Amino acid sequence: MQYRQLGRTGLRVSTFTLGTMGFGGTGWASPVGKIDVAGAREQIAIARDAGVNLIDTADVYSDGLSEEILGEALGDSRDDVLIATKVRMPMGDGPNDAGLSRHHIIRGAEASLRRLGTDYIDLYQVHEWDGQTPLEETLTALDDLVRSGKVRYVGCSNYSAWHMVKALGISDARQLERFASTQVFYSLANRDIEAEIVPAALDQGVGILVWSPLAGGLVSGKYRRGVTAPEGSRHLSEWSEPPIYDEDKLYDSIEVAVKIGESHNVSAAQVSLAYIAQKPGITSLIVGARTTEQLSDNLAAANLELTADEVKALDDASSDNLRYPYWHQRNTSTDRLSAADLSHISNYL
């Protein structure tokens, strides 16, 4: 297991993070897993044995049950790991039970601390954009949590590049705690973040945490062209993330991952994970699993090194058309591009 610095901070996190959306697994999260405390302890042990030092959860996962199970499962070993959780989503029916107001952030942090059974959160992330609350209010509330000792680092999740850069500009101007990380969706099935978010994160020194790097299992190898997926697979239910816009390209990408996996004698899931882990700017991939077998297989991807030719084959199978203004920059400005620029455009040179 490798350890990478989280953005501009001195904090080192494992290249794989344990995801806990399946802890509890009630309501909308039930297709992800229904893992109880005993199962959580088993998954945590497997992850820690593999070198994982970061565990990611959120208050909204099973209405707080994921945090409760994580806290109980960790017990006295809480200080041996880093805990990341999130705030923003509805936690009740009241008008102030969602969003990124000072009221909801402070209340959410205190509730998460109680559920987790800890007196500090290592990484507190705003879970989604709130376009109606001034960023100054959100960022000063997060800064207060850091200064109080209840939170050690802050991050954003599901922010566009301009959302993130605007927030960083305010933090820098007002000397507030800045986002150390952004947690975003990125996988062989969807490489949207390469155009704007990755270059912005590289330029601004923000670490990238990846949620659902297997696209909800889509690129694990169990979904194949003309092959029926195993019973109980998430995308056979009402689960709709991520959306699929080009089924042929998806299946083409999966076939390349399967072929590469066969050459290494590993699963297509490991290939898909190793591919994203080797991409520019990536700090850690968040992996969760319904079974210990799936989790062990996913974590084994930490030891898989893909060749440049294998990465190119996956790039070619999964790439989109280069959008404006990037095709114009490729055609006219390659003599003056930064490493952040080239993280995207170099794929098309």
Protein backbone atom coordinates (compact mmCIF):
# COMPACT_ATOMS: atom_id res chain seq x y z
CA MET A 1 0.00 0.00 0.00
CA GLN A 2 1.30 3.43 -0.93
CA TYR A 3 0.59 6.58 1.09
CA ARG A 4 0.08 9.94 -0.57
CA GLN A 5 -0.10 13.41 0.94
CA LEU A 6 -3.57 14.87 1.09
CA GLY A 7 -3.36 18.03 -0.97
CA ARG A 8 -1.04 20.62 0.55
CA THR A 9 -1.33 19.12 4.04
CA GLY A 10 1.21 16.95 5.81
CA LEU A 11 -1.38 14.20 6.26
CA ARG A 12 -0.59 10.93 4.48
CA VAL A 13 -3.45 8.68 3.44
CA SER A 14 -3.48 5.23 1.89
CA THR A 15 -4.12 5.01 -1.85
CA PHE A 16 -7.22 2.99 -1.00
CA THR A 17 -9.89 4.10 1.46
CA LEU A 18 -12.56 1.92 3.05
CA GLY A 19 -16.05 3.09 2.09
CA THR A 20 -18.93 2.45 4.47
CA MET A 21 -22.12 3.22 2.56
CA GLY A 22 -23.05 -0.45 3.04
CA PHE A 23 -22.74 -0.24 6.83
CA GLY A 24 -26.36 -0.51 7.94
CA GLY A 25 -27.62 -0.49 4.38
CA THR A 26 -31.14 0.81 4.98
CA GLY A 27 -33.42 2.78 2.67
CA TRP A 28 -31.82 3.99 -0.55
CA ALA A 29 -28.43 2.56 0.52
CA SER A 30 -29.71 -1.03 0.79
CA PRO A 31 -28.47 -2.09 -2.69
CA VAL A 32 -24.91 -1.28 -1.57
CA GLY A 33 -24.93 -3.72 1.35
CA LYS A 34 -26.49 -4.46 4.71
CA ILE A 35 -23.42 -4.79 6.90
CA ASP A 36 -23.86 -5.03 10.67
CA VAL A 37 -21.30 -4.31 13.42
CA ALA A 38 -19.71 -7.76 13.19
CA GLY A 39 -19.40 -7.44 9.42
CA ALA A 40 -17.99 -3.94 9.79
CA ARG A 41 -15.33 -5.19 12.20
CA GLU A 42 -14.35 -7.86 9.68
CA GLN A 43 -14.11 -5.38 6.81
CA ILE A 44 -12.11 -2.92 8.90
CA ALA A 45 -9.68 -5.69 9.87
CA ILE A 46 -9.20 -6.69 6.22
CA ALA A 47 -8.66 -3.08 5.20
CA ARG A 48 -6.19 -2.34 7.97
CA ASP A 49 -4.25 -5.53 7.23
CA ALA A 50 -3.95 -4.27 3.65
CA GLY A 51 -2.55 -0.95 4.91
CA VAL A 52 -5.68 1.22 4.67
CA ASN A 53 -5.59 4.10 7.15
CA LEU A 54 -8.62 6.16 5.99
CA ILE A 55 -12.30 5.23 6.41
CA ASP A 56 -14.99 7.31 4.70
CA THR A 57 -18.62 7.67 5.78
CA ALA A 58 -21.38 10.31 5.79
CA ASP A 59 -24.19 11.36 8.11
CA VAL A 60 -26.78 10.60 5.41
CA TYR A 61 -25.72 6.97 4.93
CA SER A 62 -28.66 5.02 6.37
CA ASP A 63 -29.71 8.12 8.33
CA GLY A 64 -26.65 8.03 10.57
CA LEU A 65 -26.54 4.27 11.08
CA SER A 66 -23.33 3.93 9.06
CA GLU A 67 -21.56 6.32 11.42
CA GLU A 68 -22.94 4.53 14.47
CA ILE A 69 -21.79 1.13 13.20
CA LEU A 70 -18.37 2.49 12.27
CA GLY A 71 -17.90 4.04 15.71
CA GLU A 72 -18.95 0.86 17.51
CA ALA A 73 -16.85 -1.36 15.24
CA LEU A 74 -13.71 0.74 15.78
CA GLY A 75 -14.11 0.93 19.55
CA ASP A 76 -10.76 1.54 21.24
CA SER A 77 -8.90 1.49 17.92
CA ARG A 78 -10.44 4.76 16.74
CA ASP A 79 -7.12 6.65 17.06
CA ASP A 80 -5.39 4.12 14.82
CA VAL A 81 -7.30 5.27 11.71
CA LEU A 82 -8.42 8.45 10.00
CA ILE A 83 -12.17 9.07 9.78
CA ALA A 84 -13.76 11.14 7.04
CA THR A 85 -17.44 12.03 7.12
CA LYS A 86 -19.73 14.51 5.38
CA VAL A 87 -22.53 17.04 5.90
CA ARG A 88 -25.08 18.69 3.57
CA MET A 89 -27.83 16.19 2.77
CA PRO A 90 -31.24 16.15 4.51
CA MET A 91 -31.19 14.66 8.00
CA GLY A 92 -34.79 15.53 8.81
CA ASP A 93 -37.91 17.17 7.43
CA GLY A 94 -37.33 20.65 8.84
CA PRO A 95 -36.41 23.69 6.71
CA ASN A 96 -32.92 23.81 8.26
CA ASP A 97 -32.21 20.07 8.24
CA ALA A 98 -30.18 20.26 5.02
CA GLY A 99 -27.73 22.55 3.27
CA LEU A 100 -24.48 24.24 4.24
CA SER A 101 -25.68 26.95 6.60
CA ARG A 102 -23.71 27.55 9.78
CA HIS A 103 -26.68 26.07 11.66
CA HIS A 104 -26.71 22.79 9.74
CA ILE A 105 -22.92 22.38 9.58
CA ILE A 106 -22.32 22.85 13.32
CA ARG A 107 -25.33 20.76 14.24
CA GLY A 108 -24.28 18.08 11.74
CA ALA A 109 -20.73 17.90 13.04
CA GLU A 110 -21.86 17.55 16.64
CA ALA A 111 -24.33 14.81 15.69
CA SER A 112 -21.66 12.94 13.70
CA LEU A 113 -19.26 13.14 16.65
CA ARG A 114 -21.89 11.58 18.92
CA ARG A 115 -22.70 8.79 16.46
CA LEU A 116 -19.05 8.01 15.81
CA GLY A 117 -18.24 8.04 19.53
CA THR A 118 -15.24 10.33 19.05
CA ASP A 119 -14.27 13.86 19.95
CA TYR A 120 -12.73 14.75 16.58
CA ILE A 121 -13.24 14.16 12.86
CA ASP A 122 -10.09 13.88 10.76
CA LEU A 123 -11.64 15.05 7.48
CA TYR A 124 -14.99 16.83 7.41
CA GLN A 125 -16.40 17.21 3.90
CA VAL A 126 -19.27 19.22 2.53
CA HIS A 127 -21.18 16.55 0.63
CA GLU A 128 -22.65 18.61 -2.20
CA TRP A 129 -22.92 22.18 -3.44
CA ASP A 130 -25.36 24.58 -1.79
CA GLY A 131 -25.97 27.47 -4.18
CA GLN A 132 -28.25 29.35 -1.77
CA THR A 133 -25.93 29.67 1.22
CA PRO A 134 -23.10 32.20 0.90
CA LEU A 135 -19.75 30.43 0.73
CA GLU A 136 -18.43 32.80 3.40
CA GLU A 137 -20.96 31.38 5.86
CA THR A 138 -20.08 27.79 5.00
CA LEU A 139 -16.33 28.33 5.10
CA THR A 140 -16.28 30.31 8.37
CA ALA A 141 -18.37 27.57 10.02
CA LEU A 142 -15.86 24.93 8.85
CA ASP A 143 -12.97 27.11 10.01
CA ASP A 144 -14.57 27.45 13.45
CA LEU A 145 -14.83 23.64 13.70
CA VAL A 146 -11.12 23.31 12.91
CA ARG A 147 -10.14 25.99 15.42
CA SER A 148 -12.30 24.32 18.08
CA GLY A 149 -10.46 21.01 17.61
CA LYS A 150 -13.58 19.11 16.57
CA VAL A 151 -12.33 18.84 12.96
CA ARG A 152 -8.74 18.57 11.71
CA TYR A 153 -9.09 19.00 7.93
CA VAL A 154 -11.93 20.02 5.63
CA GLY A 155 -12.84 19.01 2.10
CA CYS A 156 -15.55 19.29 -0.50
CA SER A 157 -17.40 16.66 -2.49
CA ASN A 158 -19.28 16.78 -5.78
CA TYR A 159 -18.17 20.36 -6.42
CA SER A 160 -17.54 21.56 -9.94
CA ALA A 161 -14.14 23.11 -10.64
CA TRP A 162 -15.49 26.67 -10.40
CA HIS A 163 -17.30 25.91 -7.14
CA MET A 164 -14.07 24.60 -5.64
CA VAL A 165 -11.82 27.40 -6.93
CA LYS A 166 -14.26 30.07 -5.77
CA ALA A 167 -14.25 28.53 -2.29
CA LEU A 168 -10.45 28.32 -2.24
CA GLY A 169 -10.20 31.97 -3.27
CA ILE A 170 -12.41 33.04 -0.38
CA SER A 171 -10.50 30.85 2.07
CA ASP A 172 -7.15 32.25 0.95
CA ALA A 173 -8.35 35.87 1.00
CA ARG A 174 -9.86 35.55 4.49
CA GLN A 175 -7.20 33.17 5.87
CA LEU A 176 -9.77 30.48 6.54
CA GLU A 177 -9.07 26.75 6.54
CA ARG A 178 -9.00 25.73 2.87
CA PHE A 179 -10.27 22.53 1.34
CA ALA A 180 -7.56 19.88 1.55
CA SER A 181 -9.43 17.52 -0.76
CA THR A 182 -12.28 17.08 -3.17
CA GLN A 183 -14.23 13.83 -3.31
CA VAL A 184 -15.58 13.13 -6.78
CA PHE A 185 -16.86 10.36 -9.04
CA TYR A 186 -14.27 9.00 -11.45
CA SER A 187 -14.04 5.65 -13.19
CA LEU A 188 -13.30 3.84 -16.41
CA ALA A 189 -17.01 4.32 -17.14
CA ASN A 190 -16.91 8.10 -16.80
CA ARG A 191 -13.87 10.37 -17.01
CA ASP A 192 -15.65 13.73 -16.83
CA ILE A 193 -13.42 15.13 -14.08
CA GLU A 194 -10.34 15.09 -16.31
CA ALA A 195 -11.37 18.22 -18.22
CA GLU A 196 -11.82 20.72 -15.37
CA ILE A 197 -11.69 19.25 -11.86
CA VAL A 198 -8.36 17.41 -12.09
CA PRO A 199 -6.45 20.38 -13.59
CA ALA A 200 -7.96 22.72 -11.00
CA ALA A 201 -7.05 20.35 -8.15
CA LEU A 202 -3.48 19.97 -9.43
CA ASP A 203 -3.11 23.73 -9.83
CA GLN A 204 -4.54 24.51 -6.39
CA GLY A 205 -2.91 21.67 -4.45
CA VAL A 206 -6.13 19.86 -3.59
CA GLY A 207 -6.11 16.09 -3.10
CA ILE A 208 -8.58 13.98 -5.06
CA LEU A 209 -10.56 11.24 -3.34
CA VAL A 210 -12.52 9.07 -5.74
CA TRP A 211 -15.92 7.67 -4.90
CA SER A 212 -17.31 4.67 -6.79
CA PRO A 213 -14.18 4.01 -8.89
CA LEU A 214 -15.90 0.83 -10.14
CA ALA A 215 -19.00 2.83 -11.11
CA GLY A 216 -21.22 0.85 -8.78
CA GLY A 217 -19.74 -2.39 -10.10
CA LEU A 218 -20.29 -1.53 -13.76
CA VAL A 219 -16.61 -1.94 -14.63
CA SER A 220 -15.90 -4.84 -12.27
CA GLY A 221 -16.22 -7.37 -15.08
CA LYS A 222 -19.58 -8.84 -14.09
CA TYR A 223 -21.44 -6.68 -16.63
CA ARG A 224 -20.48 -7.85 -20.11
CA ARG A 225 -21.95 -7.40 -23.56
CA GLY A 226 -24.50 -10.16 -24.10
CA VAL A 227 -23.97 -11.66 -20.63
CA THR A 228 -26.56 -11.54 -17.84
CA ALA A 229 -25.17 -10.03 -14.65
CA PRO A 230 -25.32 -12.14 -11.47
CA GLU A 231 -28.55 -11.97 -9.48
CA GLY A 232 -28.52 -9.19 -6.91
CA SER A 233 -26.19 -6.94 -8.89
CA ARG A 234 -26.79 -3.30 -8.03
CA HIS A 235 -27.59 -2.10 -11.54
CA LEU A 236 -30.33 -4.71 -11.89
CA SER A 237 -32.20 -2.85 -9.14
CA GLU A 238 -33.44 0.76 -9.13
CA TRP A 239 -29.88 2.03 -8.56
CA SER A 240 -29.27 4.71 -11.18
CA GLU A 241 -25.72 5.95 -10.53
CA PRO A 242 -23.79 6.50 -12.65
CA PRO A 243 -26.00 7.17 -15.67
CA ILE A 244 -24.95 5.30 -18.81
CA TYR A 245 -24.85 7.47 -21.93
CA ASP A 246 -22.88 5.25 -24.31
CA GLU A 247 -23.44 1.56 -23.67
CA ASP A 248 -21.21 0.42 -26.53
CA LYS A 249 -18.24 2.44 -25.26
CA LEU A 250 -18.83 1.10 -21.75
CA TYR A 251 -18.78 -2.51 -22.93
CA ASP A 252 -15.72 -1.86 -25.11
CA SER A 253 -13.89 -0.47 -22.06
CA ILE A 254 -14.91 -3.45 -19.93
CA GLU A 255 -13.63 -5.90 -22.55
CA VAL A 256 -10.23 -4.19 -22.54
CA ALA A 257 -10.12 -4.38 -18.73
CA VAL A 258 -11.07 -8.07 -18.82
CA LYS A 259 -8.35 -8.83 -21.38
CA ILE A 260 -5.69 -6.97 -19.37
CA GLY A 261 -6.86 -8.72 -16.20
CA GLU A 262 -6.46 -12.11 -17.84
CA SER A 263 -2.88 -11.26 -18.80
CA HIS A 264 -2.09 -10.42 -15.15
CA ASN A 265 -4.25 -13.23 -13.73
CA VAL A 266 -6.34 -10.71 -11.80
CA SER A 267 -9.95 -9.52 -11.97
CA ALA A 268 -11.18 -6.79 -14.30
CA ALA A 269 -12.13 -4.90 -11.12
CA GLN A 270 -8.49 -4.73 -10.08
CA VAL A 271 -7.51 -3.45 -13.52
CA SER A 272 -10.22 -0.77 -13.41
CA LEU A 273 -9.07 0.35 -9.96
CA ALA A 274 -5.36 0.33 -10.79
CA TYR A 275 -6.11 2.40 -13.89
CA ILE A 276 -7.74 5.20 -11.88
CA ALA A 277 -5.16 5.01 -9.06
CA GLN A 278 -2.38 5.74 -11.58
CA LYS A 279 -4.09 8.83 -13.01
CA PRO A 280 -2.70 12.35 -12.35
CA GLY A 281 -3.72 14.02 -9.11
CA ILE A 282 -5.40 11.00 -7.52
CA THR A 283 -4.84 10.62 -3.78
CA SER A 284 -7.07 7.70 -2.81
CA LEU A 285 -9.82 5.46 -4.16
CA ILE A 286 -12.79 4.75 -1.90
CA VAL A 287 -13.81 1.11 -2.15
CA GLY A 288 -16.68 -0.56 -0.39
CA ALA A 289 -18.02 -4.06 -0.86
CA ARG A 290 -20.94 -6.22 0.17
CA THR A 291 -18.68 -9.20 0.87
CA THR A 292 -15.23 -9.68 2.33
CA GLU A 293 -14.17 -11.49 -0.84
CA GLN A 294 -15.02 -8.45 -2.97
CA LEU A 295 -13.22 -6.14 -0.56
CA SER A 296 -10.06 -8.27 -0.50
CA ASP A 297 -10.01 -8.44 -4.30
CA ASN A 298 -10.49 -4.67 -4.63
CA LEU A 299 -7.73 -3.87 -2.16
CA ALA A 300 -5.33 -6.19 -4.01
CA ALA A 301 -5.38 -3.63 -6.84
CA ALA A 302 -2.96 -1.59 -4.72
CA ASN A 303 -0.25 -4.00 -5.87
CA LEU A 304 -1.12 -3.95 -9.58
CA GLU A 305 1.04 -1.83 -11.87
CA LEU A 306 -0.26 -1.33 -15.40
CA THR A 307 2.11 -0.76 -18.29
CA ALA A 308 1.98 2.40 -20.38
CA ASP A 309 0.52 0.37 -23.26
CA GLU A 310 -2.20 -1.04 -21.01
CA VAL A 311 -3.11 2.42 -19.74
CA LYS A 312 -3.25 3.70 -23.31
CA ALA A 313 -5.54 0.84 -24.35
CA LEU A 314 -7.92 1.72 -21.52
CA ASP A 315 -7.63 5.43 -22.37
CA ASP A 316 -8.47 4.80 -26.00
CA ALA A 317 -11.47 2.60 -25.20
CA SER A 318 -13.01 4.98 -22.67
CA SER A 319 -12.12 8.46 -23.91
CA ASP A 320 -14.57 11.17 -24.99
CA ASN A 321 -14.03 13.75 -27.69
CA LEU A 322 -11.76 16.58 -26.63
CA ARG A 323 -13.99 19.56 -25.86
CA TYR A 324 -13.48 23.27 -26.51
CA PRO A 325 -11.32 25.14 -25.55
CA TYR A 326 -9.03 22.15 -25.07
CA TRP A 327 -8.90 21.07 -28.71
CA HIS A 328 -7.96 24.64 -29.59
CA GLN A 329 -5.23 24.67 -26.94
CA ARG A 330 -3.94 21.34 -28.24
CA ASN A 331 -3.78 22.77 -31.76
CA THR A 332 -2.18 26.10 -30.91
CA SER A 333 -0.66 26.25 -27.42
CA THR A 334 1.21 23.07 -26.51
CA ASP A 335 4.43 25.08 -26.14
CA ARG A 336 3.06 26.91 -23.07
CA LEU A 337 0.96 24.38 -21.15
CA SER A 338 1.42 23.59 -17.47
CA ALA A 339 1.42 20.17 -15.85
CA ALA A 340 -2.18 20.85 -14.80
CA ASP A 341 -3.16 21.59 -18.41
CA LEU A 342 -1.36 18.53 -19.70
CA SER A 343 -3.04 16.21 -17.21
CA HIS A 344 -5.99 16.33 -19.63
CA ILE A 345 -4.69 17.43 -23.00
CA SER A 346 -1.75 15.01 -23.10
CA ASN A 347 -4.24 12.18 -23.58
CA TYR A 348 -5.07 13.68 -26.97
CA LEU A 349 -1.63 14.62 -28.28
